[in-house]
Amino acid sequence: SLTQEAPEPLSAYAVRIDLKDPDVRFFVTPQNGEHDRETDGLKTTTFLKKYGCQVAINASPYSPEGEIEGEPRDVLGLSASERDVYSPANGEWGALLITKDNKARIETPPFNTADVYNAVGGFHLLLKGGENVGTIGEKHPRTAVGLSQDKRYLYLLVIDGRQPGYSLGASTSDTAAMLRALGAYEALNLDGGGSTTMWVRGEVKNRPSDGNLRNVANCLVAMLSGPLGPPAEIILEPEGIWGLPGAVVSVAMEVRDAAMNPLGPDAAPVGVRLNGATHRATSPLVLELGAPGRHVVTMVCGDVTRELPVNVADGPSGLALDP
């Protein structure tokens, strides 16, 4: 974390990733298939629970904004996920391009994507050949990426803003200067404002200016594929169930270690505790809802437990039509 009290309050968070570490790999939000637009808008935390990772930031600008998760989004700029280049360049806006073996570069169009495995587009460059090419303008929350001159280190930076007394934000020139101080030689401004989010090992590090997380179009995430640790958390989707007697529902289960690496069912078998006994379970867990009331199903993996609240209504309370 980086803080400044004078002349204006500023709070920022940065992560440096060694691109030569063989245990590091990257992932970008994939396209949404046959749905409208290019991706489905998700909060950064929802995306991470779905895919699992250690570090993530919001990435490209997008349209439209929306408060409902899952609504389709257009990515405004280059975006690629595991060789699938599903969004083209936007004007002169730059992008971070990463090959499968983690060779990274920051460029402006036209892009050669022949060797690109993952990519996220942003706005204009902040550093070019070590020179600050940002502008002294309005201060806002910022998300940005930078590369060292030898291209060994990737820097992820978020700067909080629009919060007097805590952090006012930064101009693009300020952001460039901060990245250069961290060791970057090339840098790119990503989507900022209320979208600015950094997630590290299970925790949102910064304070988004909207007071909550936006449903962004894509994220850039880093994962560690090194030795796995013991079970630390059981992830459930959904995290709770509401329904009527006789309804059949399914619950996806995944066990992760302390570094958020997913553990397979052989390495981390899950049991369901019912009526004092524990039974082996596989994902998805299928449940048939019984008597009305509030119930709890307990999942167990080693020393880790996770409760699934199950609320069974005694009948429908009304009827709603949409639209």
C-alpha atoms as a PDB file:
ATOM      1  CA  SER A   1       0.000   0.000   0.000  1.00  0.00           C
ATOM      2  CA  LEU A   2       1.107   3.565  -0.743  1.00  0.00           C
ATOM      3  CA  THR A   3      -0.200   6.549   1.198  1.00  0.00           C
ATOM      4  CA  GLN A   4       0.329  10.299   1.106  1.00  0.00           C
ATOM      5  CA  GLU A   5      -1.003  12.899   3.541  1.00  0.00           C
ATOM      6  CA  ALA A   6       0.309  16.131   1.978  1.00  0.00           C
ATOM      7  CA  PRO A   7      -0.189  18.173  -0.079  1.00  0.00           C
ATOM      8  CA  GLU A   8      -3.348  16.092  -0.718  1.00  0.00           C
ATOM      9  CA  PRO A   9      -4.462  12.759   0.761  1.00  0.00           C
ATOM     10  CA  LEU A  10      -3.779   9.830  -1.536  1.00  0.00           C
ATOM     11  CA  SER A  11      -4.105   6.081  -1.097  1.00  0.00           C
ATOM     12  CA  ALA A  12      -2.868   3.532  -3.614  1.00  0.00           C
ATOM     13  CA  TYR A  13      -2.053  -0.164  -3.864  1.00  0.00           C
ATOM     14  CA  ALA A  14       0.501  -1.840  -6.096  1.00  0.00           C
ATOM     15  CA  VAL A  15       1.553  -5.386  -6.939  1.00  0.00           C
ATOM     16  CA  ARG A  16       4.768  -6.395  -8.734  1.00  0.00           C
ATOM     17  CA  ILE A  17       4.675  -9.714 -10.616  1.00  0.00           C
ATOM     18  CA  ASP A  18       7.820 -11.498 -11.772  1.00  0.00           C
ATOM     19  CA  LEU A  19       7.041 -12.621 -15.319  1.00  0.00           C
ATOM     20  CA  LYS A  20       9.915 -15.120 -15.190  1.00  0.00           C
ATOM     21  CA  ASP A  21       8.316 -17.023 -12.299  1.00  0.00           C
ATOM     22  CA  PRO A  22       7.247 -20.336 -13.871  1.00  0.00           C
ATOM     23  CA  ASP A  23       4.378 -20.687 -11.393  1.00  0.00           C
ATOM     24  CA  VAL A  24       2.642 -17.475 -12.575  1.00  0.00           C
ATOM     25  CA  ARG A  25      -0.042 -17.503 -15.230  1.00  0.00           C
ATOM     26  CA  PHE A  26      -2.609 -14.949 -16.355  1.00  0.00           C
ATOM     27  CA  PHE A  27      -6.246 -15.028 -17.295  1.00  0.00           C
ATOM     28  CA  VAL A  28      -8.680 -12.488 -18.746  1.00  0.00           C
ATOM     29  CA  THR A  29     -12.470 -12.591 -18.620  1.00  0.00           C
ATOM     30  CA  PRO A  30     -13.619 -14.786 -21.529  1.00  0.00           C
ATOM     31  CA  GLN A  31     -16.326 -13.816 -23.985  1.00  0.00           C
ATOM     32  CA  ASN A  32     -19.917 -14.748 -23.210  1.00  0.00           C
ATOM     33  CA  GLY A  33     -20.510 -17.020 -26.192  1.00  0.00           C
ATOM     34  CA  GLU A  34     -23.868 -16.571 -27.861  1.00  0.00           C
ATOM     35  CA  HIS A  35     -25.110 -13.893 -25.455  1.00  0.00           C
ATOM     36  CA  ASP A  36     -25.470 -10.272 -26.579  1.00  0.00           C
ATOM     37  CA  ARG A  37     -22.397  -8.035 -26.779  1.00  0.00           C
ATOM     38  CA  GLU A  38     -19.012  -9.523 -25.720  1.00  0.00           C
ATOM     39  CA  THR A  39     -18.925 -10.316 -21.989  1.00  0.00           C
ATOM     40  CA  ASP A  40     -21.309 -10.464 -19.051  1.00  0.00           C
ATOM     41  CA  GLY A  41     -20.760  -7.750 -16.450  1.00  0.00           C
ATOM     42  CA  LEU A  42     -19.577  -9.141 -13.118  1.00  0.00           C
ATOM     43  CA  LYS A  43     -18.191  -7.750  -9.897  1.00  0.00           C
ATOM     44  CA  THR A  44     -14.488  -8.522  -9.603  1.00  0.00           C
ATOM     45  CA  THR A  45     -15.163 -10.660  -6.524  1.00  0.00           C
ATOM     46  CA  THR A  46     -17.819 -12.729  -8.329  1.00  0.00           C
ATOM     47  CA  PHE A  47     -15.443 -13.350 -11.223  1.00  0.00           C
ATOM     48  CA  LEU A  48     -12.721 -14.479  -8.843  1.00  0.00           C
ATOM     49  CA  LYS A  49     -14.966 -16.834  -6.909  1.00  0.00           C
ATOM     50  CA  LYS A  50     -15.893 -18.411 -10.218  1.00  0.00           C
ATOM     51  CA  TYR A  51     -12.365 -18.852 -11.571  1.00  0.00           C
ATOM     52  CA  GLY A  52     -10.046 -18.612  -8.555  1.00  0.00           C
ATOM     53  CA  CYS A  53      -6.861 -16.546  -8.504  1.00  0.00           C
ATOM     54  CA  GLN A  54      -4.481 -14.644  -6.254  1.00  0.00           C
ATOM     55  CA  VAL A  55      -4.490 -11.127  -7.733  1.00  0.00           C
ATOM     56  CA  ALA A  56      -6.907  -9.240  -9.951  1.00  0.00           C
ATOM     57  CA  ILE A  57      -7.703  -5.759 -11.177  1.00  0.00           C
ATOM     58  CA  ASN A  58     -10.496  -4.351 -13.300  1.00  0.00           C
ATOM     59  CA  ALA A  59      -9.296  -3.754 -16.836  1.00  0.00           C
ATOM     60  CA  SER A  60     -10.861  -2.292 -19.970  1.00  0.00           C
ATOM     61  CA  PRO A  61     -13.376   0.519 -20.416  1.00  0.00           C
ATOM     62  CA  TYR A  62     -16.818  -0.750 -21.387  1.00  0.00           C
ATOM     63  CA  SER A  63     -20.404   0.099 -22.195  1.00  0.00           C
ATOM     64  CA  PRO A  64     -23.072   0.228 -20.874  1.00  0.00           C
ATOM     65  CA  GLU A  65     -22.855   0.560 -17.104  1.00  0.00           C
ATOM     66  CA  GLY A  66     -25.405  -1.404 -15.098  1.00  0.00           C
ATOM     67  CA  GLU A  67     -26.243  -2.484 -11.570  1.00  0.00           C
ATOM     68  CA  ILE A  68     -27.366  -6.033 -12.409  1.00  0.00           C
ATOM     69  CA  GLU A  69     -24.720  -8.760 -12.583  1.00  0.00           C
ATOM     70  CA  GLY A  70     -24.766 -10.786 -15.756  1.00  0.00           C
ATOM     71  CA  GLU A  71     -25.944  -7.991 -18.041  1.00  0.00           C
ATOM     72  CA  PRO A  72     -24.024  -8.005 -21.356  1.00  0.00           C
ATOM     73  CA  ARG A  73     -21.171  -5.546 -21.873  1.00  0.00           C
ATOM     74  CA  ASP A  74     -19.213  -4.255 -24.843  1.00  0.00           C
ATOM     75  CA  VAL A  75     -15.468  -4.071 -24.176  1.00  0.00           C
ATOM     76  CA  LEU A  76     -14.180  -0.784 -25.592  1.00  0.00           C
ATOM     77  CA  GLY A  77     -10.778  -1.863 -26.840  1.00  0.00           C
ATOM     78  CA  LEU A  78      -8.672  -4.960 -27.344  1.00  0.00           C
ATOM     79  CA  SER A  79      -9.538  -7.967 -25.200  1.00  0.00           C
ATOM     80  CA  ALA A  80      -8.290 -11.547 -25.519  1.00  0.00           C
ATOM     81  CA  SER A  81      -8.660 -14.604 -23.309  1.00  0.00           C
ATOM     82  CA  GLU A  82      -6.572 -17.713 -23.910  1.00  0.00           C
ATOM     83  CA  ARG A  83      -5.940 -16.902 -27.618  1.00  0.00           C
ATOM     84  CA  ASP A  84      -9.535 -15.813 -28.276  1.00  0.00           C
ATOM     85  CA  VAL A  85      -9.307 -12.190 -29.434  1.00  0.00           C
ATOM     86  CA  TYR A  86     -12.974 -11.284 -29.031  1.00  0.00           C
ATOM     87  CA  SER A  87     -12.813  -7.469 -28.962  1.00  0.00           C
ATOM     88  CA  PRO A  88     -10.834  -5.366 -31.472  1.00  0.00           C
ATOM     89  CA  ALA A  89      -8.757  -2.233 -30.943  1.00  0.00           C
ATOM     90  CA  ASN A  90     -10.544   1.042 -30.278  1.00  0.00           C
ATOM     91  CA  GLY A  91      -8.971   3.993 -32.097  1.00  0.00           C
ATOM     92  CA  GLU A  92      -5.535   4.838 -30.744  1.00  0.00           C
ATOM     93  CA  TRP A  93      -6.079   3.367 -27.285  1.00  0.00           C
ATOM     94  CA  GLY A  94      -3.300   1.092 -26.075  1.00  0.00           C
ATOM     95  CA  ALA A  95      -3.272  -2.418 -24.665  1.00  0.00           C
ATOM     96  CA  LEU A  96      -1.288  -4.840 -22.538  1.00  0.00           C
ATOM     97  CA  LEU A  97      -0.516  -8.009 -24.514  1.00  0.00           C
ATOM     98  CA  ILE A  98       0.738 -11.210 -22.862  1.00  0.00           C
ATOM     99  CA  THR A  99       1.937 -14.392 -24.578  1.00  0.00           C
ATOM    100  CA  LYS A 100       1.365 -17.874 -23.193  1.00  0.00           C
ATOM    101  CA  ASP A 101       4.926 -17.927 -21.797  1.00  0.00           C
ATOM    102  CA  ASN A 102       4.333 -14.565 -20.051  1.00  0.00           C
ATOM    103  CA  LYS A 103       6.234 -12.283 -22.377  1.00  0.00           C
ATOM    104  CA  ALA A 104       4.409  -8.958 -22.036  1.00  0.00           C
ATOM    105  CA  ARG A 105       4.376  -5.716 -23.959  1.00  0.00           C
ATOM    106  CA  ILE A 106       2.408  -2.470 -23.935  1.00  0.00           C
ATOM    107  CA  GLU A 107       1.579  -1.146 -27.390  1.00  0.00           C
ATOM    108  CA  THR A 108      -0.703   1.104 -29.388  1.00  0.00           C
ATOM    109  CA  PRO A 109      -2.559   0.049 -32.575  1.00  0.00           C
ATOM    110  CA  PRO A 110      -2.160  -1.587 -34.962  1.00  0.00           C
ATOM    111  CA  PHE A 111      -1.700  -4.701 -32.831  1.00  0.00           C
ATOM    112  CA  ASN A 112      -0.076  -7.939 -33.947  1.00  0.00           C
ATOM    113  CA  THR A 113      -2.032 -10.537 -31.979  1.00  0.00           C
ATOM    114  CA  ALA A 114      -0.518 -13.640 -33.601  1.00  0.00           C
ATOM    115  CA  ASP A 115       1.311 -14.627 -30.399  1.00  0.00           C
ATOM    116  CA  VAL A 116      -1.133 -13.092 -27.914  1.00  0.00           C
ATOM    117  CA  TYR A 117      -2.643 -15.409 -25.301  1.00  0.00           C
ATOM    118  CA  ASN A 118      -4.267 -12.770 -23.054  1.00  0.00           C
ATOM    119  CA  ALA A 119      -4.747  -9.049 -23.583  1.00  0.00           C
ATOM    120  CA  VAL A 120      -6.604  -6.103 -22.062  1.00  0.00           C
ATOM    121  CA  GLY A 121      -7.100  -2.710 -23.657  1.00  0.00           C
ATOM    122  CA  GLY A 122      -7.067   0.598 -21.869  1.00  0.00           C
ATOM    123  CA  PHE A 123      -6.924   4.274 -22.716  1.00  0.00           C
ATOM    124  CA  HIS A 124      -3.741   6.164 -23.617  1.00  0.00           C
ATOM    125  CA  LEU A 125      -0.154   5.385 -22.604  1.00  0.00           C
ATOM    126  CA  LEU A 126       1.197   6.805 -19.345  1.00  0.00           C
ATOM    127  CA  LEU A 127       4.883   6.002 -19.846  1.00  0.00           C
ATOM    128  CA  LYS A 128       6.574   5.598 -23.212  1.00  0.00           C
ATOM    129  CA  GLY A 129      10.262   4.725 -23.250  1.00  0.00           C
ATOM    130  CA  GLY A 130      10.485   5.878 -19.627  1.00  0.00           C
ATOM    131  CA  GLU A 131       8.980   9.294 -20.430  1.00  0.00           C
ATOM    132  CA  ASN A 132       5.889  10.524 -18.610  1.00  0.00           C
ATOM    133  CA  VAL A 133       3.286  11.108 -21.346  1.00  0.00           C
ATOM    134  CA  GLY A 134       0.336  11.570 -18.999  1.00  0.00           C
ATOM    135  CA  THR A 135      -1.515  14.849 -18.642  1.00  0.00           C
ATOM    136  CA  ILE A 136      -1.997  17.219 -15.725  1.00  0.00           C
ATOM    137  CA  GLY A 137      -5.779  17.184 -15.587  1.00  0.00           C
ATOM    138  CA  GLU A 138      -8.590  16.132 -13.303  1.00  0.00           C
ATOM    139  CA  LYS A 139      -7.910  13.759 -10.434  1.00  0.00           C
ATOM    140  CA  HIS A 140      -9.873  10.497 -10.444  1.00  0.00           C
ATOM    141  CA  PRO A 141      -9.537   6.931  -9.178  1.00  0.00           C
ATOM    142  CA  ARG A 142      -7.098   5.123 -11.471  1.00  0.00           C
ATOM    143  CA  THR A 143      -6.248   1.581 -12.522  1.00  0.00           C
ATOM    144  CA  ALA A 144      -3.040   1.149 -14.499  1.00  0.00           C
ATOM    145  CA  VAL A 145      -0.391  -1.367 -15.534  1.00  0.00           C
ATOM    146  CA  GLY A 146       3.323  -0.941 -16.148  1.00  0.00           C
ATOM    147  CA  LEU A 147       6.308  -2.931 -17.387  1.00  0.00           C
ATOM    148  CA  SER A 148       9.946  -2.670 -16.339  1.00  0.00           C
ATOM    149  CA  GLN A 149      12.487  -1.764 -19.019  1.00  0.00           C
ATOM    150  CA  ASP A 150      13.726  -5.353 -19.237  1.00  0.00           C
ATOM    151  CA  LYS A 151      10.080  -6.552 -19.315  1.00  0.00           C
ATOM    152  CA  ARG A 152      10.676  -8.877 -16.384  1.00  0.00           C
ATOM    153  CA  TYR A 153       8.235  -7.198 -13.987  1.00  0.00           C
ATOM    154  CA  LEU A 154       4.584  -6.328 -14.473  1.00  0.00           C
ATOM    155  CA  TYR A 155       3.189  -3.662 -12.148  1.00  0.00           C
ATOM    156  CA  LEU A 156      -0.498  -3.436 -11.236  1.00  0.00           C
ATOM    157  CA  LEU A 157      -1.581  -0.160  -9.652  1.00  0.00           C
ATOM    158  CA  VAL A 158      -4.859   1.200  -8.305  1.00  0.00           C
ATOM    159  CA  ILE A 159      -5.316   4.671  -6.847  1.00  0.00           C
ATOM    160  CA  ASP A 160      -8.409   5.533  -4.839  1.00  0.00           C
ATOM    161  CA  GLY A 161     -10.139   8.849  -5.424  1.00  0.00           C
ATOM    162  CA  ARG A 162     -13.239  11.036  -5.065  1.00  0.00           C
ATOM    163  CA  GLN A 163     -13.106  10.543  -1.290  1.00  0.00           C
ATOM    164  CA  PRO A 164     -12.085  13.784   0.523  1.00  0.00           C
ATOM    165  CA  GLY A 165     -10.060  13.186   3.646  1.00  0.00           C
ATOM    166  CA  TYR A 166      -8.984   9.745   2.450  1.00  0.00           C
ATOM    167  CA  SER A 167      -7.871   9.944  -1.182  1.00  0.00           C
ATOM    168  CA  LEU A 168      -8.685  12.520  -3.844  1.00  0.00           C
ATOM    169  CA  GLY A 169      -7.333  10.583  -6.818  1.00  0.00           C
ATOM    170  CA  ALA A 170      -4.658  11.285  -9.397  1.00  0.00           C
ATOM    171  CA  SER A 171      -4.175  12.777 -12.838  1.00  0.00           C
ATOM    172  CA  THR A 172      -2.732  10.558 -15.540  1.00  0.00           C
ATOM    173  CA  SER A 173       0.578  12.386 -15.103  1.00  0.00           C
ATOM    174  CA  ASP A 174       0.512  11.618 -11.359  1.00  0.00           C
ATOM    175  CA  THR A 175      -0.264   7.979 -12.141  1.00  0.00           C
ATOM    176  CA  ALA A 176       2.630   7.772 -14.597  1.00  0.00           C
ATOM    177  CA  ALA A 177       5.018   9.280 -12.037  1.00  0.00           C
ATOM    178  CA  MET A 178       3.948   6.746  -9.433  1.00  0.00           C
ATOM    179  CA  LEU A 179       4.463   3.818 -11.807  1.00  0.00           C
ATOM    180  CA  ARG A 180       7.881   5.134 -12.838  1.00  0.00           C
ATOM    181  CA  ALA A 181       8.847   5.382  -9.148  1.00  0.00           C
ATOM    182  CA  LEU A 182       7.811   1.749  -8.725  1.00  0.00           C
ATOM    183  CA  GLY A 183      10.119   0.714 -11.572  1.00  0.00           C
ATOM    184  CA  ALA A 184       7.955   0.856 -14.707  1.00  0.00           C
ATOM    185  CA  TYR A 185       9.347   2.012 -18.056  1.00  0.00           C
ATOM    186  CA  GLU A 186       6.193   1.527 -20.149  1.00  0.00           C
ATOM    187  CA  ALA A 187       2.707   2.029 -18.710  1.00  0.00           C
ATOM    188  CA  LEU A 188      -0.951   2.120 -19.708  1.00  0.00           C
ATOM    189  CA  ASN A 189      -4.006   3.774 -18.180  1.00  0.00           C
ATOM    190  CA  LEU A 190      -6.897   1.299 -17.761  1.00  0.00           C
ATOM    191  CA  ASP A 191     -10.526   1.934 -16.839  1.00  0.00           C
ATOM    192  CA  GLY A 192     -10.717   3.917 -13.613  1.00  0.00           C
ATOM    193  CA  GLY A 193     -13.323   5.916 -11.730  1.00  0.00           C
ATOM    194  CA  GLY A 194     -15.855   3.817  -9.869  1.00  0.00           C
ATOM    195  CA  SER A 195     -14.571   0.667 -11.601  1.00  0.00           C
ATOM    196  CA  THR A 196     -11.141   0.821  -9.926  1.00  0.00           C
ATOM    197  CA  THR A 197     -10.684  -2.399  -7.925  1.00  0.00           C
ATOM    198  CA  MET A 198      -7.751  -4.493  -6.733  1.00  0.00           C
ATOM    199  CA  TRP A 199      -8.279  -7.915  -5.191  1.00  0.00           C
ATOM    200  CA  VAL A 200      -5.419  -9.759  -3.475  1.00  0.00           C
ATOM    201  CA  ARG A 201      -5.702 -13.200  -1.886  1.00  0.00           C
ATOM    202  CA  GLY A 202      -9.360 -13.028  -0.973  1.00  0.00           C
ATOM    203  CA  GLU A 203      -9.621  -9.345  -0.086  1.00  0.00           C
ATOM    204  CA  VAL A 204     -10.525  -6.148  -1.930  1.00  0.00           C
ATOM    205  CA  LYS A 205      -7.578  -3.928  -0.997  1.00  0.00           C
ATOM    206  CA  ASN A 206      -8.834  -0.501  -2.067  1.00  0.00           C
ATOM    207  CA  ARG A 207     -12.018   1.505  -1.423  1.00  0.00           C
ATOM    208  CA  PRO A 208     -14.069   1.814  -4.639  1.00  0.00           C
ATOM    209  CA  SER A 209     -15.420   5.342  -4.940  1.00  0.00           C
ATOM    210  CA  ASP A 210     -19.032   4.231  -5.514  1.00  0.00           C
ATOM    211  CA  GLY A 211     -19.047   2.536  -2.119  1.00  0.00           C
ATOM    212  CA  ASN A 212     -19.546  -0.843  -3.792  1.00  0.00           C
ATOM    213  CA  LEU A 213     -18.117  -2.874  -6.668  1.00  0.00           C
ATOM    214  CA  ARG A 214     -19.177  -2.227 -10.251  1.00  0.00           C
ATOM    215  CA  ASN A 215     -20.144  -4.963 -12.684  1.00  0.00           C
ATOM    216  CA  VAL A 216     -17.191  -4.565 -15.034  1.00  0.00           C
ATOM    217  CA  ALA A 217     -16.705  -6.063 -18.496  1.00  0.00           C
ATOM    218  CA  ASN A 218     -13.355  -7.756 -17.947  1.00  0.00           C
ATOM    219  CA  CYS A 219     -10.621  -8.348 -15.391  1.00  0.00           C
ATOM    220  CA  LEU A 220      -6.927  -9.144 -15.577  1.00  0.00           C
ATOM    221  CA  VAL A 221      -5.998 -11.830 -13.077  1.00  0.00           C
ATOM    222  CA  ALA A 222      -2.807 -13.550 -12.010  1.00  0.00           C
ATOM    223  CA  MET A 223      -2.740 -17.116 -10.729  1.00  0.00           C
ATOM    224  CA  LEU A 224      -0.078 -19.235  -9.067  1.00  0.00           C
ATOM    225  CA  SER A 225       0.250 -22.794 -10.299  1.00  0.00           C
ATOM    226  CA  GLY A 226       2.915 -23.886  -7.813  1.00  0.00           C
ATOM    227  CA  PRO A 227       2.651 -26.499  -5.036  1.00  0.00           C
ATOM    228  CA  LEU A 228      -0.840 -26.729  -3.580  1.00  0.00           C
ATOM    229  CA  GLY A 229      -1.516 -26.168   0.103  1.00  0.00           C
ATOM    230  CA  PRO A 230      -4.051 -27.800   2.421  1.00  0.00           C
ATOM    231  CA  PRO A 231      -7.760 -26.944   2.154  1.00  0.00           C
ATOM    232  CA  ALA A 232      -8.529 -23.445   3.453  1.00  0.00           C
ATOM    233  CA  GLU A 233     -11.956 -22.555   2.032  1.00  0.00           C
ATOM    234  CA  ILE A 234     -15.022 -24.189   0.500  1.00  0.00           C
ATOM    235  CA  ILE A 235     -16.595 -22.107  -2.275  1.00  0.00           C
ATOM    236  CA  LEU A 236     -20.326 -22.593  -2.925  1.00  0.00           C
ATOM    237  CA  GLU A 237     -22.409 -21.336  -5.826  1.00  0.00           C
ATOM    238  CA  PRO A 238     -25.063 -20.324  -4.964  1.00  0.00           C
ATOM    239  CA  GLU A 239     -24.169 -19.315  -1.418  1.00  0.00           C
ATOM    240  CA  GLY A 240     -27.739 -19.839  -0.214  1.00  0.00           C
ATOM    241  CA  ILE A 241     -30.962 -21.503  -1.372  1.00  0.00           C
ATOM    242  CA  TRP A 242     -34.531 -20.241  -1.334  1.00  0.00           C
ATOM    243  CA  GLY A 243     -37.360 -22.369  -2.725  1.00  0.00           C
ATOM    244  CA  LEU A 244     -40.568 -24.354  -2.255  1.00  0.00           C
ATOM    245  CA  PRO A 245     -40.995 -27.909  -0.933  1.00  0.00           C
ATOM    246  CA  GLY A 246     -40.142 -30.482  -3.584  1.00  0.00           C
ATOM    247  CA  ALA A 247     -37.890 -28.169  -5.580  1.00  0.00           C
ATOM    248  CA  VAL A 248     -34.636 -29.736  -6.795  1.00  0.00           C
ATOM    249  CA  VAL A 249     -31.582 -27.478  -6.716  1.00  0.00           C
ATOM    250  CA  SER A 250     -27.892 -27.984  -7.453  1.00  0.00           C
ATOM    251  CA  VAL A 251     -24.936 -26.412  -5.677  1.00  0.00           C
ATOM    252  CA  ALA A 252     -21.450 -26.189  -7.198  1.00  0.00           C
ATOM    253  CA  MET A 253     -18.654 -26.844  -4.701  1.00  0.00           C
ATOM    254  CA  GLU A 254     -14.945 -26.102  -4.941  1.00  0.00           C
ATOM    255  CA  VAL A 255     -12.206 -26.330  -2.329  1.00  0.00           C
ATOM    256  CA  ARG A 256      -9.282 -23.902  -2.446  1.00  0.00           C
ATOM    257  CA  ASP A 257      -6.047 -23.521  -0.500  1.00  0.00           C
ATOM    258  CA  ALA A 258      -4.891 -20.344   1.249  1.00  0.00           C
ATOM    259  CA  ALA A 259      -3.453 -19.007  -2.018  1.00  0.00           C
ATOM    260  CA  MET A 260      -6.869 -19.511  -3.693  1.00  0.00           C
ATOM    261  CA  ASN A 261      -5.616 -22.406  -5.809  1.00  0.00           C
ATOM    262  CA  PRO A 262      -8.475 -24.818  -6.569  1.00  0.00           C
ATOM    263  CA  LEU A 263      -8.026 -28.324  -5.149  1.00  0.00           C
ATOM    264  CA  GLY A 264      -9.513 -31.264  -7.002  1.00  0.00           C
ATOM    265  CA  PRO A 265     -11.955 -33.736  -5.424  1.00  0.00           C
ATOM    266  CA  ASP A 266      -9.250 -36.383  -5.005  1.00  0.00           C
ATOM    267  CA  ALA A 267      -6.952 -34.023  -3.100  1.00  0.00           C
ATOM    268  CA  ALA A 268      -9.777 -32.386  -1.148  1.00  0.00           C
ATOM    269  CA  PRO A 269     -12.887 -34.571  -0.865  1.00  0.00           C
ATOM    270  CA  VAL A 270     -15.977 -32.831   0.479  1.00  0.00           C
ATOM    271  CA  GLY A 271     -18.459 -34.372   2.876  1.00  0.00           C
ATOM    272  CA  VAL A 272     -21.994 -33.291   3.732  1.00  0.00           C
ATOM    273  CA  ARG A 273     -22.969 -33.487   7.380  1.00  0.00           C
ATOM    274  CA  LEU A 274     -26.577 -34.650   7.822  1.00  0.00           C
ATOM    275  CA  ASN A 275     -28.251 -36.042  10.928  1.00  0.00           C
ATOM    276  CA  GLY A 276     -24.956 -36.446  12.736  1.00  0.00           C
ATOM    277  CA  ALA A 277     -23.283 -38.388   9.937  1.00  0.00           C
ATOM    278  CA  THR A 278     -20.938 -37.170   7.188  1.00  0.00           C
ATOM    279  CA  HIS A 279     -21.491 -38.431   3.632  1.00  0.00           C
ATOM    280  CA  ARG A 280     -19.104 -38.066   0.679  1.00  0.00           C
ATOM    281  CA  ALA A 281     -20.401 -35.539  -1.854  1.00  0.00           C
ATOM    282  CA  THR A 282     -19.456 -34.538  -5.377  1.00  0.00           C
ATOM    283  CA  SER A 283     -20.018 -31.289  -7.240  1.00  0.00           C
ATOM    284  CA  PRO A 284     -22.639 -30.321  -8.122  1.00  0.00           C
ATOM    285  CA  LEU A 285     -24.481 -31.323  -4.968  1.00  0.00           C
ATOM    286  CA  VAL A 286     -28.160 -31.998  -5.764  1.00  0.00           C
ATOM    287  CA  LEU A 287     -30.703 -31.280  -3.042  1.00  0.00           C
ATOM    288  CA  GLU A 288     -34.461 -31.816  -2.912  1.00  0.00           C
ATOM    289  CA  LEU A 289     -36.117 -29.286  -0.615  1.00  0.00           C
ATOM    290  CA  GLY A 290     -38.264 -30.707   2.150  1.00  0.00           C
ATOM    291  CA  ALA A 291     -40.290 -29.255   4.982  1.00  0.00           C
ATOM    292  CA  PRO A 292     -40.814 -25.482   5.168  1.00  0.00           C
ATOM    293  CA  GLY A 293     -38.455 -23.577   7.455  1.00  0.00           C
ATOM    294  CA  ARG A 294     -34.878 -22.465   7.760  1.00  0.00           C
ATOM    295  CA  HIS A 295     -32.304 -25.217   7.458  1.00  0.00           C
ATOM    296  CA  VAL A 296     -28.510 -25.483   7.261  1.00  0.00           C
ATOM    297  CA  VAL A 297     -26.442 -27.966   5.270  1.00  0.00           C
ATOM    298  CA  THR A 298     -22.848 -28.236   6.493  1.00  0.00           C
ATOM    299  CA  MET A 299     -19.999 -29.015   4.085  1.00  0.00           C
ATOM    300  CA  VAL A 300     -16.798 -30.481   5.528  1.00  0.00           C
ATOM    301  CA  CYS A 301     -13.310 -30.849   4.071  1.00  0.00           C
ATOM    302  CA  GLY A 302     -10.623 -31.736   6.582  1.00  0.00           C
ATOM    303  CA  ASP A 303     -10.705 -29.046   9.263  1.00  0.00           C
ATOM    304  CA  VAL A 304     -12.654 -26.644   7.030  1.00  0.00           C
ATOM    305  CA  THR A 305     -16.423 -26.283   7.249  1.00  0.00           C
ATOM    306  CA  ARG A 306     -18.911 -24.188   5.288  1.00  0.00           C
ATOM    307  CA  GLU A 307     -22.611 -23.758   6.028  1.00  0.00           C
ATOM    308  CA  LEU A 308     -25.199 -23.505   3.259  1.00  0.00           C
ATOM    309  CA  PRO A 309     -28.407 -21.773   4.415  1.00  0.00           C
ATOM    310  CA  VAL A 310     -31.534 -23.356   2.954  1.00  0.00           C
ATOM    311  CA  ASN A 311     -34.806 -21.445   3.267  1.00  0.00           C
ATOM    312  CA  VAL A 312     -37.932 -23.373   2.291  1.00  0.00           C
ATOM    313  CA  ALA A 313     -41.143 -21.370   2.003  1.00  0.00           C
ATOM    314  CA  ASP A 314     -44.546 -22.915   2.751  1.00  0.00           C
ATOM    315  CA  GLY A 315     -45.987 -21.546  -0.491  1.00  0.00           C
ATOM    316  CA  PRO A 316     -45.680 -18.764  -3.047  1.00  0.00           C
ATOM    317  CA  SER A 317     -46.177 -15.254  -1.676  1.00  0.00           C
ATOM    318  CA  GLY A 318     -47.152 -13.654  -4.966  1.00  0.00           C
ATOM    319  CA  LEU A 319     -46.692 -13.535  -8.703  1.00  0.00           C
ATOM    320  CA  ALA A 320     -44.460 -11.117 -10.602  1.00  0.00           C
ATOM    321  CA  LEU A 321     -44.211 -10.670 -14.350  1.00  0.00           C
ATOM    322  CA  ASP A 322     -41.084  -9.292 -16.063  1.00  0.00           C
ATOM    323  CA  PRO A 323     -41.487  -7.484 -18.367  1.00  0.00           C
END
